[in-house]
Amino acid sequence: MKPGIAFLDGPRRAKGARCGDESCTPRRNARTVFCMNAVAQLQPVLSTSARVLRNVALFPIIGVLLLLEPVVAFVCGVMMFGGVLATVLFEVSATGPRFPFLLVLALSLSFGVFHLLYQFLIAFLVRD
């Protein structure tokens, strides 16, 4: 017998009909259909389990981020507005011969960008 060809006697299948690598008995077909259905029913269980594990792992991270949010907002706000104010005052007063105006201004504004990114991170992690 050649692999891939089922030689069955009787009215069920013609002799030499192609079937795959295994024989095509009704019992094997029923077992294959059962296994395919079992896998199809297992997929929602696995995705739900993965979602629950993700939520359990993210809960403490989100909690810490939300607890630190007022502190981060205050520090970033003070550093941004204080830095811009100090930059403008140092530029206007001309205390030094070479004040790095753009560098200090960019550093001050980067605190605002950091606060925005912090808010986006919280929003991304809290979404359902």
Protein backbone atom coordinates (compact mmCIF):
# COMPACT_ATOMS: atom_id res chain seq x y z
CA MET A 1 0.00 0.00 0.00
CA LYS A 2 1.16 3.49 -0.83
CA PRO A 3 1.00 6.18 1.85
CA GLY A 4 -1.74 8.70 1.23
CA ILE A 5 -4.08 6.25 -0.49
CA ALA A 6 -6.75 4.41 1.45
CA PHE A 7 -7.69 0.96 0.23
CA LEU A 8 -11.06 0.28 1.80
CA ASP A 9 -13.37 -2.52 0.85
CA GLY A 10 -17.08 -2.03 0.73
CA PRO A 11 -19.50 0.62 -0.42
CA ARG A 12 -18.08 3.39 1.76
CA ARG A 13 -15.25 4.44 -0.54
CA ALA A 14 -13.97 3.47 -3.91
CA LYS A 15 -10.77 1.53 -4.00
CA GLY A 16 -7.72 3.77 -4.37
CA ALA A 17 -9.46 7.02 -3.40
CA ARG A 18 -7.15 9.74 -2.08
CA CYS A 19 -7.63 10.53 1.56
CA GLY A 20 -4.53 12.12 3.04
CA ASP A 21 -1.81 10.55 5.11
CA GLU A 22 -4.11 8.40 7.25
CA SER A 23 -7.00 6.18 6.39
CA CYS A 24 -10.43 7.80 6.16
CA THR A 25 -12.57 5.66 8.37
CA PRO A 26 -15.72 7.25 9.80
CA ARG A 27 -14.34 6.83 13.29
CA ARG A 28 -11.11 8.69 12.43
CA ASN A 29 -13.12 11.42 10.70
CA ALA A 30 -15.33 11.82 13.76
CA ARG A 31 -12.24 12.03 15.99
CA THR A 32 -10.70 14.68 13.72
CA VAL A 33 -13.88 16.76 13.74
CA PHE A 34 -14.04 16.45 17.54
CA CYS A 35 -10.43 17.62 17.89
CA MET A 36 -11.03 20.55 15.53
CA ASN A 37 -14.10 21.59 17.52
CA ALA A 38 -12.20 21.24 20.79
CA VAL A 39 -9.46 23.56 19.50
CA ALA A 40 -12.06 26.04 18.25
CA GLN A 41 -13.73 26.05 21.67
CA LEU A 42 -10.39 26.36 23.47
CA GLN A 43 -9.41 29.59 21.70
CA PRO A 44 -11.83 31.89 23.60
CA VAL A 45 -10.75 30.35 26.89
CA LEU A 46 -7.09 31.03 26.12
CA SER A 47 -7.72 34.61 25.01
CA THR A 48 -9.79 35.29 28.14
CA SER A 49 -7.06 33.78 30.33
CA ALA A 50 -4.41 35.94 28.64
CA ARG A 51 -6.54 39.06 29.14
CA VAL A 52 -7.05 38.27 32.84
CA LEU A 53 -3.32 37.64 33.37
CA ARG A 54 -2.52 40.92 31.59
CA ASN A 55 -4.93 42.82 33.84
CA VAL A 56 -3.52 41.18 36.97
CA ALA A 57 0.03 42.06 35.95
CA LEU A 58 -0.84 45.66 34.99
CA PHE A 59 -2.92 46.45 38.08
CA PRO A 60 0.01 47.35 40.40
CA ILE A 61 1.79 49.27 37.63
CA ILE A 62 -1.30 51.35 36.88
CA GLY A 63 -1.87 51.88 40.59
CA VAL A 64 1.63 53.29 41.11
CA LEU A 65 1.35 55.49 38.01
CA LEU A 66 -1.99 56.88 39.19
CA LEU A 67 -0.67 57.50 42.71
CA LEU A 68 2.37 59.37 41.37
CA GLU A 69 0.36 61.40 38.83
CA PRO A 70 -0.22 64.47 41.06
CA VAL A 71 3.45 64.55 42.05
CA VAL A 72 4.60 64.22 38.43
CA ALA A 73 2.13 66.92 37.32
CA PHE A 74 3.34 69.32 40.03
CA VAL A 75 7.06 68.73 39.42
CA CYS A 76 6.74 68.95 35.64
CA GLY A 77 4.63 72.10 35.86
CA VAL A 78 6.98 73.87 38.24
CA MET A 79 10.05 72.88 36.24
CA MET A 80 8.48 73.92 32.96
CA PHE A 81 7.12 77.31 34.01
CA GLY A 82 10.02 78.05 36.33
CA GLY A 83 12.52 77.10 33.66
CA VAL A 84 10.86 79.25 31.00
CA LEU A 85 10.67 82.18 33.44
CA ALA A 86 14.31 81.76 34.46
CA THR A 87 15.38 81.45 30.82
CA VAL A 88 13.62 84.66 29.83
CA LEU A 89 14.96 86.52 32.88
CA PHE A 90 18.55 85.40 32.25
CA GLU A 91 18.30 86.31 28.57
CA VAL A 92 16.86 89.75 29.28
CA SER A 93 19.24 90.55 32.13
CA ALA A 94 22.31 89.60 30.09
CA THR A 95 24.22 88.55 33.19
CA GLY A 96 26.63 86.35 31.32
CA PRO A 97 28.31 86.78 27.96
CA ARG A 98 26.95 83.51 26.54
CA PHE A 99 23.74 82.19 27.99
CA PRO A 100 22.47 78.98 26.29
CA PHE A 101 18.96 80.35 25.78
CA LEU A 102 17.63 77.73 23.35
CA LEU A 103 19.13 74.81 25.24
CA VAL A 104 17.63 75.83 28.58
CA LEU A 105 14.29 76.72 26.94
CA ALA A 106 14.16 73.29 25.24
CA LEU A 107 15.02 71.60 28.53
CA SER A 108 12.24 73.48 30.30
CA LEU A 109 9.66 72.66 27.63
CA SER A 110 10.70 69.01 27.66
CA PHE A 111 9.15 68.73 31.13
CA GLY A 112 5.78 69.56 29.55
CA VAL A 113 6.35 66.93 26.87
CA PHE A 114 7.25 64.40 29.56
CA HIS A 115 3.99 65.14 31.39
CA LEU A 116 2.02 64.63 28.16
CA LEU A 117 3.76 61.29 27.55
CA TYR A 118 3.02 60.28 31.14
CA GLN A 119 -0.68 61.04 30.60
CA PHE A 120 -0.70 59.08 27.32
CA LEU A 121 0.92 56.10 29.05
CA ILE A 122 -1.73 56.09 31.77
CA ALA A 123 -4.51 56.40 29.19
CA PHE A 124 -3.02 53.55 27.12
CA LEU A 125 -2.69 51.19 30.10
CA VAL A 126 -6.09 51.98 31.64
CA ARG A 127 -8.10 51.40 28.45
CA ASP A 128 -10.31 48.32 28.44
